[in-house]
PDB file of N, CA and C in Angstrom:
ATOM      1  N   MET A   1      10.259  10.700 -11.991  1.00  0.00           N
ATOM      2  CA  MET A   1       9.323  11.759 -12.296  1.00  0.00           C
ATOM      3  C   MET A   1       7.962  11.151 -12.649  1.00  0.00           C
ATOM      4  N   LEU A   2       6.917  11.746 -12.165  1.00  0.00           N
ATOM      5  CA  LEU A   2       5.559  11.290 -12.424  1.00  0.00           C
ATOM      6  C   LEU A   2       5.117  11.756 -13.806  1.00  0.00           C
ATOM      7  N   ARG A   3       4.824  10.797 -14.684  1.00  0.00           N
ATOM      8  CA  ARG A   3       4.319  11.122 -16.020  1.00  0.00           C
ATOM      9  C   ARG A   3       2.891  10.622 -16.107  1.00  0.00           C
ATOM     10  N   VAL A   4       1.933  11.537 -16.214  1.00  0.00           N
ATOM     11  CA  VAL A   4       0.531  11.161 -16.213  1.00  0.00           C
ATOM     12  C   VAL A   4       0.205  10.253 -17.391  1.00  0.00           C
ATOM     13  N   GLY A   5       0.834  10.449 -18.549  1.00  0.00           N
ATOM     14  CA  GLY A   5       0.563   9.639 -19.721  1.00  0.00           C
ATOM     15  C   GLY A   5       0.942   8.181 -19.581  1.00  0.00           C
ATOM     16  N   LYS A   6       1.747   7.849 -18.583  1.00  0.00           N
ATOM     17  CA  LYS A   6       2.149   6.452 -18.426  1.00  0.00           C
ATOM     18  C   LYS A   6       1.040   5.595 -17.818  1.00  0.00           C
ATOM     19  N   TYR A   7       0.040   6.227 -17.239  1.00  0.00           N
ATOM     20  CA  TYR A   7      -1.084   5.491 -16.661  1.00  0.00           C
ATOM     21  C   TYR A   7      -2.055   5.144 -17.792  1.00  0.00           C
ATOM     22  N   ASP A   8      -1.842   3.994 -18.416  1.00  0.00           N
ATOM     23  CA  ASP A   8      -2.618   3.653 -19.609  1.00  0.00           C
ATOM     24  C   ASP A   8      -3.513   2.429 -19.434  1.00  0.00           C
ATOM     25  N   HIS A   9      -3.671   1.953 -18.213  1.00  0.00           N
ATOM     26  CA  HIS A   9      -4.547   0.802 -17.947  1.00  0.00           C
ATOM     27  C   HIS A   9      -5.611   1.221 -16.942  1.00  0.00           C
ATOM     28  N   LYS A  10      -6.846   0.808 -17.191  1.00  0.00           N
ATOM     29  CA  LYS A  10      -7.942   1.097 -16.270  1.00  0.00           C
ATOM     30  C   LYS A  10      -8.106  -0.078 -15.321  1.00  0.00           C
ATOM     31  N   ILE A  11      -8.046   0.200 -14.020  1.00  0.00           N
ATOM     32  CA  ILE A  11      -8.248  -0.847 -13.018  1.00  0.00           C
ATOM     33  C   ILE A  11      -9.337  -0.408 -12.049  1.00  0.00           C
ATOM     34  N   THR A  12      -9.943  -1.404 -11.416  1.00  0.00           N
ATOM     35  CA  THR A  12     -10.973  -1.135 -10.420  1.00  0.00           C
ATOM     36  C   THR A  12     -10.660  -1.936  -9.164  1.00  0.00           C
ATOM     37  N   PHE A  13     -10.562  -1.251  -8.040  1.00  0.00           N
ATOM     38  CA  PHE A  13     -10.419  -1.924  -6.755  1.00  0.00           C
ATOM     39  C   PHE A  13     -11.820  -2.380  -6.354  1.00  0.00           C
ATOM     40  N   VAL A  14     -11.966  -3.659  -6.018  1.00  0.00           N
ATOM     41  CA  VAL A  14     -13.285  -4.200  -5.691  1.00  0.00           C
ATOM     42  C   VAL A  14     -13.278  -4.868  -4.322  1.00  0.00           C
ATOM     43  N   ASN A  15     -14.465  -4.957  -3.750  1.00  0.00           N
ATOM     44  CA  ASN A  15     -14.669  -5.607  -2.469  1.00  0.00           C
ATOM     45  C   ASN A  15     -15.591  -6.801  -2.704  1.00  0.00           C
ATOM     46  N   PHE A  16     -15.214  -7.955  -2.216  1.00  0.00           N
ATOM     47  CA  PHE A  16     -16.004  -9.172  -2.371  1.00  0.00           C
ATOM     48  C   PHE A  16     -16.988  -9.269  -1.222  1.00  0.00           C
ATOM     49  N   GLY A  17     -18.235  -9.622  -1.554  1.00  0.00           N
ATOM     50  CA  GLY A  17     -19.254  -9.793  -0.529  1.00  0.00           C
ATOM     51  C   GLY A  17     -20.239 -10.866  -0.930  1.00  0.00           C
ATOM     52  N   GLN A  18     -21.246 -11.060  -0.096  1.00  0.00           N
ATOM     53  CA  GLN A  18     -22.285 -12.054  -0.372  1.00  0.00           C
ATOM     54  C   GLN A  18     -23.650 -11.439  -0.094  1.00  0.00           C
ATOM     55  N   VAL A  19     -24.604 -11.802  -0.949  1.00  0.00           N
ATOM     56  CA  VAL A  19     -25.978 -11.349  -0.792  1.00  0.00           C
ATOM     57  C   VAL A  19     -26.860 -12.591  -0.684  1.00  0.00           C
ATOM     58  N   SER A  20     -27.795 -12.563   0.229  1.00  0.00           N
ATOM     59  CA  SER A  20     -28.709 -13.700   0.402  1.00  0.00           C
ATOM     60  C   SER A  20     -29.565 -13.881  -0.841  1.00  0.00           C
ATOM     61  N   ASN A  21     -29.758 -15.145  -1.232  1.00  0.00           N
ATOM     62  CA  ASN A  21     -30.590 -15.427  -2.409  1.00  0.00           C
ATOM     63  C   ASN A  21     -32.043 -15.721  -2.023  1.00  0.00           C
ATOM     64  N   GLY A  22     -32.370 -15.600  -0.745  1.00  0.00           N
ATOM     65  CA  GLY A  22     -33.743 -15.781  -0.294  1.00  0.00           C
ATOM     66  C   GLY A  22     -34.119 -17.209   0.057  1.00  0.00           C
ATOM     67  N   SER A  23     -33.242 -18.162  -0.260  1.00  0.00           N
ATOM     68  CA  SER A  23     -33.576 -19.557   0.077  1.00  0.00           C
ATOM     69  C   SER A  23     -32.474 -20.194   0.920  1.00  0.00           C
ATOM     70  N   GLY A  24     -31.803 -19.387   1.722  1.00  0.00           N
ATOM     71  CA  GLY A  24     -30.791 -19.893   2.641  1.00  0.00           C
ATOM     72  C   GLY A  24     -29.389 -19.914   2.087  1.00  0.00           C
ATOM     73  N   GLY A  25     -29.219 -19.588   0.819  1.00  0.00           N
ATOM     74  CA  GLY A  25     -27.892 -19.561   0.218  1.00  0.00           C
ATOM     75  C   GLY A  25     -27.418 -18.137  -0.016  1.00  0.00           C
ATOM     76  N   TYR A  26     -26.265 -18.031  -0.602  1.00  0.00           N
ATOM     77  CA  TYR A  26     -25.686 -16.723  -0.859  1.00  0.00           C
ATOM     78  C   TYR A  26     -25.195 -16.622  -2.298  1.00  0.00           C
ATOM     79  N   ILE A  27     -25.252 -15.419  -2.826  1.00  0.00           N
ATOM     80  CA  ILE A  27     -24.758 -15.129  -4.166  1.00  0.00           C
ATOM     81  C   ILE A  27     -23.522 -14.237  -4.009  1.00  0.00           C
ATOM     82  N   PRO A  28     -22.364 -14.633  -4.558  1.00  0.00           N
ATOM     83  CA  PRO A  28     -21.185 -13.778  -4.452  1.00  0.00           C
ATOM     84  C   PRO A  28     -21.358 -12.508  -5.285  1.00  0.00           C
ATOM     85  N   THR A  29     -20.969 -11.379  -4.708  1.00  0.00           N
ATOM     86  CA  THR A  29     -21.079 -10.099  -5.405  1.00  0.00           C
ATOM     87  C   THR A  29     -19.786  -9.303  -5.240  1.00  0.00           C
ATOM     88  N   TYR A  30     -19.567  -8.401  -6.165  1.00  0.00           N
ATOM     89  CA  TYR A  30     -18.416  -7.506  -6.100  1.00  0.00           C
ATOM     90  C   TYR A  30     -18.913  -6.071  -6.091  1.00  0.00           C
ATOM     91  N   THR A  31     -18.363  -5.263  -5.199  1.00  0.00           N
ATOM     92  CA  THR A  31     -18.695  -3.853  -5.112  1.00  0.00           C
ATOM     93  C   THR A  31     -17.474  -3.046  -5.509  1.00  0.00           C
ATOM     94  N   ASP A  32     -17.641  -2.134  -6.461  1.00  0.00           N
ATOM     95  CA  ASP A  32     -16.520  -1.284  -6.888  1.00  0.00           C
ATOM     96  C   ASP A  32     -16.200  -0.264  -5.805  1.00  0.00           C
ATOM     97  N   LEU A  33     -14.921  -0.209  -5.418  1.00  0.00           N
ATOM     98  CA  LEU A  33     -14.468   0.764  -4.427  1.00  0.00           C
ATOM     99  C   LEU A  33     -13.878   2.005  -5.085  1.00  0.00           C
ATOM    100  N   LEU A  34     -13.062   1.783  -6.127  1.00  0.00           N
ATOM    101  CA  LEU A  34     -12.385   2.891  -6.796  1.00  0.00           C
ATOM    102  C   LEU A  34     -11.957   2.440  -8.183  1.00  0.00           C
ATOM    103  N   THR A  35     -12.238   3.246  -9.186  1.00  0.00           N
ATOM    104  CA  THR A  35     -11.752   3.001 -10.542  1.00  0.00           C
ATOM    105  C   THR A  35     -10.743   4.080 -10.865  1.00  0.00           C
ATOM    106  N   THR A  36      -9.579   3.668 -11.360  1.00  0.00           N
ATOM    107  CA  THR A  36      -8.509   4.617 -11.635  1.00  0.00           C
ATOM    108  C   THR A  36      -7.642   4.119 -12.781  1.00  0.00           C
ATOM    109  N   LYS A  37      -6.723   4.945 -13.207  1.00  0.00           N
ATOM    110  CA  LYS A  37      -5.751   4.576 -14.240  1.00  0.00           C
ATOM    111  C   LYS A  37      -4.469   4.119 -13.546  1.00  0.00           C
ATOM    112  N   ALA A  38      -3.763   3.177 -14.181  1.00  0.00           N
ATOM    113  CA  ALA A  38      -2.556   2.616 -13.581  1.00  0.00           C
ATOM    114  C   ALA A  38      -1.506   2.335 -14.644  1.00  0.00           C
ATOM    115  N   ASP A  39      -0.264   2.252 -14.200  1.00  0.00           N
ATOM    116  CA  ASP A  39       0.845   1.792 -15.028  1.00  0.00           C
ATOM    117  C   ASP A  39       1.119   0.358 -14.591  1.00  0.00           C
ATOM    118  N   ILE A  40       1.012  -0.602 -15.510  1.00  0.00           N
ATOM    119  CA  ILE A  40       1.176  -2.013 -15.172  1.00  0.00           C
ATOM    120  C   ILE A  40       2.230  -2.623 -16.071  1.00  0.00           C
ATOM    121  N   ILE A  41       3.205  -3.297 -15.451  1.00  0.00           N
ATOM    122  CA  ILE A  41       4.221  -4.010 -16.217  1.00  0.00           C
ATOM    123  C   ILE A  41       4.330  -5.431 -15.668  1.00  0.00           C
ATOM    124  N   GLN A  42       4.662  -6.373 -16.548  1.00  0.00           N
ATOM    125  CA  GLN A  42       4.851  -7.752 -16.121  1.00  0.00           C
ATOM    126  C   GLN A  42       6.235  -7.889 -15.495  1.00  0.00           C
ATOM    127  N   LEU A  43       6.296  -8.567 -14.350  1.00  0.00           N
ATOM    128  CA  LEU A  43       7.579  -8.799 -13.702  1.00  0.00           C
ATOM    129  C   LEU A  43       8.305  -9.914 -14.424  1.00  0.00           C
ATOM    130  N   LYS A  44       9.585  -9.771 -14.591  1.00  0.00           N
ATOM    131  CA  LYS A  44      10.382 -10.778 -15.287  1.00  0.00           C
ATOM    132  C   LYS A  44      10.512 -12.021 -14.420  1.00  0.00           C
ATOM    133  N   GLN A  45      10.208 -13.170 -15.006  1.00  0.00           N
ATOM    134  CA  GLN A  45      10.317 -14.423 -14.270  1.00  0.00           C
ATOM    135  C   GLN A  45      11.572 -15.197 -14.649  1.00  0.00           C
ATOM    136  N   SER A  46      12.288 -14.742 -15.667  1.00  0.00           N
ATOM    137  CA  SER A  46      13.453 -15.502 -16.107  1.00  0.00           C
ATOM    138  C   SER A  46      14.500 -15.609 -15.004  1.00  0.00           C
ATOM    139  N   ARG A  47      14.554 -14.625 -14.119  1.00  0.00           N
ATOM    140  CA  ARG A  47      15.514 -14.669 -13.007  1.00  0.00           C
ATOM    141  C   ARG A  47      15.027 -15.577 -11.886  1.00  0.00           C
ATOM    142  N   GLN A  48      13.740 -15.837 -11.865  1.00  0.00           N
ATOM    143  CA  GLN A  48      13.161 -16.640 -10.798  1.00  0.00           C
ATOM    144  C   GLN A  48      12.778 -18.005 -11.354  1.00  0.00           C
ATOM    145  N   LEU A  49      13.779 -18.801 -11.661  1.00  0.00           N
ATOM    146  CA  LEU A  49      13.580 -20.091 -12.314  1.00  0.00           C
ATOM    147  C   LEU A  49      12.637 -20.996 -11.524  1.00  0.00           C
ATOM    148  N   GLU A  50      12.745 -20.972 -10.201  1.00  0.00           N
ATOM    149  CA  GLU A  50      11.879 -21.814  -9.377  1.00  0.00           C
ATOM    150  C   GLU A  50      10.410 -21.461  -9.581  1.00  0.00           C
ATOM    151  N   GLN A  51      10.105 -20.178  -9.679  1.00  0.00           N
ATOM    152  CA  GLN A  51       8.729 -19.743  -9.853  1.00  0.00           C
ATOM    153  C   GLN A  51       8.151 -20.266 -11.164  1.00  0.00           C
ATOM    154  N   VAL A  52       8.935 -20.219 -12.217  1.00  0.00           N
ATOM    155  CA  VAL A  52       8.491 -20.709 -13.521  1.00  0.00           C
ATOM    156  C   VAL A  52       8.295 -22.218 -13.484  1.00  0.00           C
ATOM    157  N   GLN A  53       9.256 -22.941 -12.884  1.00  0.00           N
ATOM    158  CA  GLN A  53       9.173 -24.400 -12.834  1.00  0.00           C
ATOM    159  C   GLN A  53       7.988 -24.880 -12.007  1.00  0.00           C
ATOM    160  N   LEU A  54       7.636 -24.146 -10.974  1.00  0.00           N
ATOM    161  CA  LEU A  54       6.501 -24.528 -10.137  1.00  0.00           C
ATOM    162  C   LEU A  54       5.168 -24.158 -10.768  1.00  0.00           C
ATOM    163  N   GLY A  55       5.205 -23.411 -11.847  1.00  0.00           N
ATOM    164  CA  GLY A  55       3.968 -23.015 -12.520  1.00  0.00           C
ATOM    165  C   GLY A  55       3.189 -21.957 -11.774  1.00  0.00           C
ATOM    166  N   LEU A  56       3.880 -21.146 -10.987  1.00  0.00           N
ATOM    167  CA  LEU A  56       3.204 -20.082 -10.253  1.00  0.00           C
ATOM    168  C   LEU A  56       2.709 -19.013 -11.226  1.00  0.00           C
ATOM    169  N   PRO A  57       1.652 -18.296 -10.860  1.00  0.00           N
ATOM    170  CA  PRO A  57       1.079 -17.316 -11.782  1.00  0.00           C
ATOM    171  C   PRO A  57       2.019 -16.144 -12.059  1.00  0.00           C
ATOM    172  N   THR A  58       1.815 -15.526 -13.210  1.00  0.00           N
ATOM    173  CA  THR A  58       2.600 -14.363 -13.587  1.00  0.00           C
ATOM    174  C   THR A  58       2.241 -13.190 -12.680  1.00  0.00           C
ATOM    175  N   ALA A  59       3.256 -12.470 -12.257  1.00  0.00           N
ATOM    176  CA  ALA A  59       3.055 -11.310 -11.387  1.00  0.00           C
ATOM    177  C   ALA A  59       3.225 -10.029 -12.192  1.00  0.00           C
ATOM    178  N   TYR A  60       2.517  -9.003 -11.769  1.00  0.00           N
ATOM    179  CA  TYR A  60       2.573  -7.691 -12.414  1.00  0.00           C
ATOM    180  C   TYR A  60       2.858  -6.625 -11.372  1.00  0.00           C
ATOM    181  N   ARG A  61       3.605  -5.607 -11.753  1.00  0.00           N
ATOM    182  CA  ARG A  61       3.871  -4.454 -10.887  1.00  0.00           C
ATOM    183  C   ARG A  61       2.918  -3.343 -11.292  1.00  0.00           C
ATOM    184  N   VAL A  62       2.201  -2.804 -10.306  1.00  0.00           N
ATOM    185  CA  VAL A  62       1.193  -1.768 -10.543  1.00  0.00           C
ATOM    186  C   VAL A  62       1.616  -0.479  -9.854  1.00  0.00           C
ATOM    187  N   ARG A  63       1.481   0.629 -10.593  1.00  0.00           N
ATOM    188  CA  ARG A  63       1.743   1.956 -10.039  1.00  0.00           C
ATOM    189  C   ARG A  63       0.488   2.801 -10.244  1.00  0.00           C
ATOM    190  N   VAL A  64      -0.048   3.351  -9.149  1.00  0.00           N
ATOM    191  CA  VAL A  64      -1.207   4.245  -9.220  1.00  0.00           C
ATOM    192  C   VAL A  64      -0.914   5.491  -8.398  1.00  0.00           C
ATOM    193  N   GLN A  65      -1.583   6.577  -8.736  1.00  0.00           N
ATOM    194  CA  GLN A  65      -1.428   7.780  -7.938  1.00  0.00           C
ATOM    195  C   GLN A  65      -2.076   7.564  -6.583  1.00  0.00           C
ATOM    196  N   LYS A  66      -1.397   8.020  -5.528  1.00  0.00           N
ATOM    197  CA  LYS A  66      -1.930   7.871  -4.175  1.00  0.00           C
ATOM    198  C   LYS A  66      -3.153   8.762  -4.018  1.00  0.00           C
ATOM    199  N   ARG A  67      -4.194   8.194  -3.435  1.00  0.00           N
ATOM    200  CA  ARG A  67      -5.447   8.918  -3.223  1.00  0.00           C
ATOM    201  C   ARG A  67      -5.659   9.169  -1.738  1.00  0.00           C
ATOM    202  N   LYS A  68      -6.103  10.354  -1.414  1.00  0.00           N
ATOM    203  CA  LYS A  68      -6.412  10.685  -0.025  1.00  0.00           C
ATOM    204  C   LYS A  68      -7.647   9.889   0.404  1.00  0.00           C
ATOM    205  N   GLY A  69      -7.566   9.213   1.525  1.00  0.00           N
ATOM    206  CA  GLY A  69      -8.691   8.450   2.044  1.00  0.00           C
ATOM    207  C   GLY A  69      -8.831   7.055   1.479  1.00  0.00           C
ATOM    208  N   PHE A  70      -7.901   6.629   0.607  1.00  0.00           N
ATOM    209  CA  PHE A  70      -7.957   5.276   0.060  1.00  0.00           C
ATOM    210  C   PHE A  70      -6.573   4.662   0.147  1.00  0.00           C
ATOM    211  N   GLU A  71      -6.480   3.496   0.766  1.00  0.00           N
ATOM    212  CA  GLU A  71      -5.199   2.824   0.951  1.00  0.00           C
ATOM    213  C   GLU A  71      -5.313   1.374   0.495  1.00  0.00           C
ATOM    214  N   PRO A  72      -4.627   0.990  -0.602  1.00  0.00           N
ATOM    215  CA  PRO A  72      -4.640  -0.425  -1.002  1.00  0.00           C
ATOM    216  C   PRO A  72      -3.941  -1.283   0.058  1.00  0.00           C
ATOM    217  N   ILE A  73      -4.461  -2.489   0.271  1.00  0.00           N
ATOM    218  CA  ILE A  73      -3.862  -3.390   1.260  1.00  0.00           C
ATOM    219  C   ILE A  73      -3.659  -4.778   0.639  1.00  0.00           C
ATOM    220  N   VAL A  74      -2.825  -5.581   1.293  1.00  0.00           N
ATOM    221  CA  VAL A  74      -2.567  -6.938   0.830  1.00  0.00           C
ATOM    222  C   VAL A  74      -3.876  -7.724   0.811  1.00  0.00           C
ATOM    223  N   GLY A  75      -4.097  -8.466  -0.272  1.00  0.00           N
ATOM    224  CA  GLY A  75      -5.303  -9.277  -0.396  1.00  0.00           C
ATOM    225  C   GLY A  75      -6.464  -8.562  -1.068  1.00  0.00           C
ATOM    226  N   MET A  76      -6.364  -7.247  -1.224  1.00  0.00           N
ATOM    227  CA  MET A  76      -7.431  -6.500  -1.894  1.00  0.00           C
ATOM    228  C   MET A  76      -7.527  -6.960  -3.346  1.00  0.00           C
ATOM    229  N   LEU A  77      -8.732  -7.025  -3.860  1.00  0.00           N
ATOM    230  CA  LEU A  77      -8.948  -7.487  -5.229  1.00  0.00           C
ATOM    231  C   LEU A  77      -8.984  -6.320  -6.206  1.00  0.00           C
ATOM    232  N   ILE A  78      -8.446  -6.580  -7.400  1.00  0.00           N
ATOM    233  CA  ILE A  78      -8.404  -5.590  -8.471  1.00  0.00           C
ATOM    234  C   ILE A  78      -8.943  -6.247  -9.732  1.00  0.00           C
ATOM    235  N   LYS A  79      -9.832  -5.537 -10.424  1.00  0.00           N
ATOM    236  CA  LYS A  79     -10.329  -6.021 -11.707  1.00  0.00           C
ATOM    237  C   LYS A  79      -9.592  -5.258 -12.804  1.00  0.00           C
ATOM    238  N   TRP A  80      -8.907  -6.020 -13.668  1.00  0.00           N
ATOM    239  CA  TRP A  80      -8.151  -5.441 -14.785  1.00  0.00           C
ATOM    240  C   TRP A  80      -8.420  -6.306 -16.012  1.00  0.00           C
ATOM    241  N   ASN A  81      -8.903  -5.715 -17.083  1.00  0.00           N
ATOM    242  CA  ASN A  81      -9.272  -6.438 -18.308  1.00  0.00           C
ATOM    243  C   ASN A  81     -10.263  -7.567 -18.007  1.00  0.00           C
ATOM    244  N   ASP A  82     -11.222  -7.294 -17.134  1.00  0.00           N
ATOM    245  CA  ASP A  82     -12.272  -8.258 -16.737  1.00  0.00           C
ATOM    246  C   ASP A  82     -11.722  -9.524 -16.081  1.00  0.00           C
ATOM    247  N   VAL A  83     -10.540  -9.448 -15.504  1.00  0.00           N
ATOM    248  CA  VAL A  83      -9.931 -10.555 -14.758  1.00  0.00           C
ATOM    249  C   VAL A  83      -9.623 -10.054 -13.358  1.00  0.00           C
ATOM    250  N   MET A  84      -9.864 -10.901 -12.353  1.00  0.00           N
ATOM    251  CA  MET A  84      -9.597 -10.525 -10.966  1.00  0.00           C
ATOM    252  C   MET A  84      -8.159 -10.844 -10.584  1.00  0.00           C
ATOM    253  N   PHE A  85      -7.513  -9.894  -9.918  1.00  0.00           N
ATOM    254  CA  PHE A  85      -6.162 -10.038  -9.409  1.00  0.00           C
ATOM    255  C   PHE A  85      -6.163  -9.676  -7.936  1.00  0.00           C
ATOM    256  N   ALA A  86      -5.177 -10.206  -7.205  1.00  0.00           N
ATOM    257  CA  ALA A  86      -5.048  -9.903  -5.780  1.00  0.00           C
ATOM    258  C   ALA A  86      -3.693  -9.252  -5.519  1.00  0.00           C
ATOM    259  N   ILE A  87      -3.685  -8.268  -4.617  1.00  0.00           N
ATOM    260  CA  ILE A  87      -2.435  -7.624  -4.210  1.00  0.00           C
ATOM    261  C   ILE A  87      -1.673  -8.612  -3.327  1.00  0.00           C
ATOM    262  N   ILE A  88      -0.387  -8.834  -3.647  1.00  0.00           N
ATOM    263  CA  ILE A  88       0.372  -9.865  -2.921  1.00  0.00           C
ATOM    264  C   ILE A  88       1.464  -9.309  -2.016  1.00  0.00           C
ATOM    265  N   ASN A  89       1.696  -8.004  -2.042  1.00  0.00           N
ATOM    266  CA  ASN A  89       2.696  -7.440  -1.133  1.00  0.00           C
ATOM    267  C   ASN A  89       2.208  -6.106  -0.595  1.00  0.00           C
ATOM    268  N   THR A  90       2.850  -5.648   0.450  1.00  0.00           N
ATOM    269  CA  THR A  90       2.463  -4.383   1.062  1.00  0.00           C
ATOM    270  C   THR A  90       2.802  -3.236   0.119  1.00  0.00           C
ATOM    271  N   PRO A  91       1.815  -2.413  -0.235  1.00  0.00           N
ATOM    272  CA  PRO A  91       2.088  -1.288  -1.132  1.00  0.00           C
ATOM    273  C   PRO A  91       3.089  -0.311  -0.519  1.00  0.00           C
ATOM    274  N   THR A  92       3.996   0.170  -1.356  1.00  0.00           N
ATOM    275  CA  THR A  92       4.946   1.191  -0.916  1.00  0.00           C
ATOM    276  C   THR A  92       4.559   2.504  -1.583  1.00  0.00           C
ATOM    277  N   VAL A  93       4.930   3.600  -0.945  1.00  0.00           N
ATOM    278  CA  VAL A  93       4.628   4.921  -1.480  1.00  0.00           C
ATOM    279  C   VAL A  93       5.930   5.557  -1.918  1.00  0.00           C
ATOM    280  N   GLU A  94       5.940   6.013  -3.159  1.00  0.00           N
ATOM    281  CA  GLU A  94       7.127   6.670  -3.708  1.00  0.00           C
ATOM    282  C   GLU A  94       6.788   8.129  -3.959  1.00  0.00           C
ATOM    283  N   ASN A  95       7.641   9.015  -3.469  1.00  0.00           N
ATOM    284  CA  ASN A  95       7.437  10.441  -3.689  1.00  0.00           C
ATOM    285  C   ASN A  95       8.003  10.836  -5.044  1.00  0.00           C
ATOM    286  N   THR A  96       7.242  11.610  -5.781  1.00  0.00           N
ATOM    287  CA  THR A  96       7.694  12.143  -7.061  1.00  0.00           C
ATOM    288  C   THR A  96       7.580  13.659  -6.995  1.00  0.00           C
ATOM    289  N   ARG A  97       8.048  14.313  -8.040  1.00  0.00           N
ATOM    290  CA  ARG A  97       7.990  15.775  -8.030  1.00  0.00           C
ATOM    291  C   ARG A  97       6.558  16.297  -8.024  1.00  0.00           C
ATOM    292  N   VAL A  98       5.653  15.590  -8.645  1.00  0.00           N
ATOM    293  CA  VAL A  98       4.287  16.072  -8.793  1.00  0.00           C
ATOM    294  C   VAL A  98       3.343  15.508  -7.728  1.00  0.00           C
ATOM    295  N   GLY A  99       3.613  14.331  -7.221  1.00  0.00           N
ATOM    296  CA  GLY A  99       2.717  13.712  -6.242  1.00  0.00           C
ATOM    297  C   GLY A  99       3.323  12.440  -5.685  1.00  0.00           C
ATOM    298  N   GLN A 100       2.465  11.546  -5.228  1.00  0.00           N
ATOM    299  CA  GLN A 100       2.914  10.279  -4.677  1.00  0.00           C
ATOM    300  C   GLN A 100       2.287   9.132  -5.457  1.00  0.00           C
ATOM    301  N   GLU A 101       3.024   8.023  -5.548  1.00  0.00           N
ATOM    302  CA  GLU A 101       2.543   6.816  -6.206  1.00  0.00           C
ATOM    303  C   GLU A 101       2.527   5.663  -5.219  1.00  0.00           C
ATOM    304  N   CYS A 102       1.483   4.831  -5.294  1.00  0.00           N
ATOM    305  CA  CYS A 102       1.451   3.565  -4.571  1.00  0.00           C
ATOM    306  C   CYS A 102       1.935   2.505  -5.546  1.00  0.00           C
ATOM    307  N   ILE A 103       2.861   1.670  -5.088  1.00  0.00           N
ATOM    308  CA  ILE A 103       3.434   0.627  -5.931  1.00  0.00           C
ATOM    309  C   ILE A 103       3.236  -0.713  -5.235  1.00  0.00           C
ATOM    310  N   PHE A 104       2.673  -1.680  -5.975  1.00  0.00           N
ATOM    311  CA  PHE A 104       2.433  -3.004  -5.412  1.00  0.00           C
ATOM    312  C   PHE A 104       2.404  -4.030  -6.529  1.00  0.00           C
ATOM    313  N   ASP A 105       2.460  -5.313  -6.159  1.00  0.00           N
ATOM    314  CA  ASP A 105       2.446  -6.404  -7.124  1.00  0.00           C
ATOM    315  C   ASP A 105       1.110  -7.147  -7.023  1.00  0.00           C
ATOM    316  N   ILE A 106       0.667  -7.678  -8.178  1.00  0.00           N
ATOM    317  CA  ILE A 106      -0.582  -8.432  -8.209  1.00  0.00           C
ATOM    318  C   ILE A 106      -0.383  -9.756  -8.966  1.00  0.00           C
ATOM    319  N   VAL A 107      -1.213 -10.739  -8.647  1.00  0.00           N
ATOM    320  CA  VAL A 107      -1.260 -12.001  -9.398  1.00  0.00           C
ATOM    321  C   VAL A 107      -2.731 -12.340  -9.645  1.00  0.00           C
ATOM    322  N   ASN A 108      -2.980 -13.198 -10.628  1.00  0.00           N
ATOM    323  CA  ASN A 108      -4.324 -13.630 -10.960  1.00  0.00           C
ATOM    324  C   ASN A 108      -4.937 -14.308  -9.738  1.00  0.00           C
ATOM    325  N   ASP A 109      -6.148 -13.898  -9.405  1.00  0.00           N
ATOM    326  CA  ASP A 109      -6.829 -14.418  -8.221  1.00  0.00           C
ATOM    327  C   ASP A 109      -7.445 -15.784  -8.458  1.00  0.00           C
ATOM    328  N   GLY A 110      -7.586 -16.188  -9.716  1.00  0.00           N
ATOM    329  CA  GLY A 110      -8.168 -17.468 -10.025  1.00  0.00           C
ATOM    330  C   GLY A 110      -9.681 -17.475 -10.074  1.00  0.00           C
ATOM    331  N   THR A 111     -10.297 -16.298  -9.992  1.00  0.00           N
ATOM    332  CA  THR A 111     -11.764 -16.233 -10.077  1.00  0.00           C
ATOM    333  C   THR A 111     -12.206 -15.605 -11.368  1.00  0.00           C
TER     334      THR A 111
END
C-alpha cells in the first residue's frame, strides 16, 4: 500500500553538463531535473560478504512516486543530503492501490 508519509527524504534528479569558461576550458555544472520526496533505506550488506570485503560503496533502495513524463534511468545522478548518487539498476514500477512507485538502487557517485 502506498503511504504518502513514508516519503521523508528530499532528493533531486540532476543532469551533469559543462559550460565554457571563456578561455578554452569547461566548468562542470549540474541542472536540476526534478525535486521530489522519496523513501530511502540502506540495503543490508551483511549477506553480501564479498561486497563488504572489497570495500564497495553502500547501496540504498529508493522509492518515489512515478511521474508522468519523467523516467529515471541507469546512470542518472541524484542529489541527496548534498551528496551525489548514481542509479545502478533499471528502475522497476510497482503498482499500489493509490498509484505507482519507481524503485531503484543508488550508490555514492564519488563526486
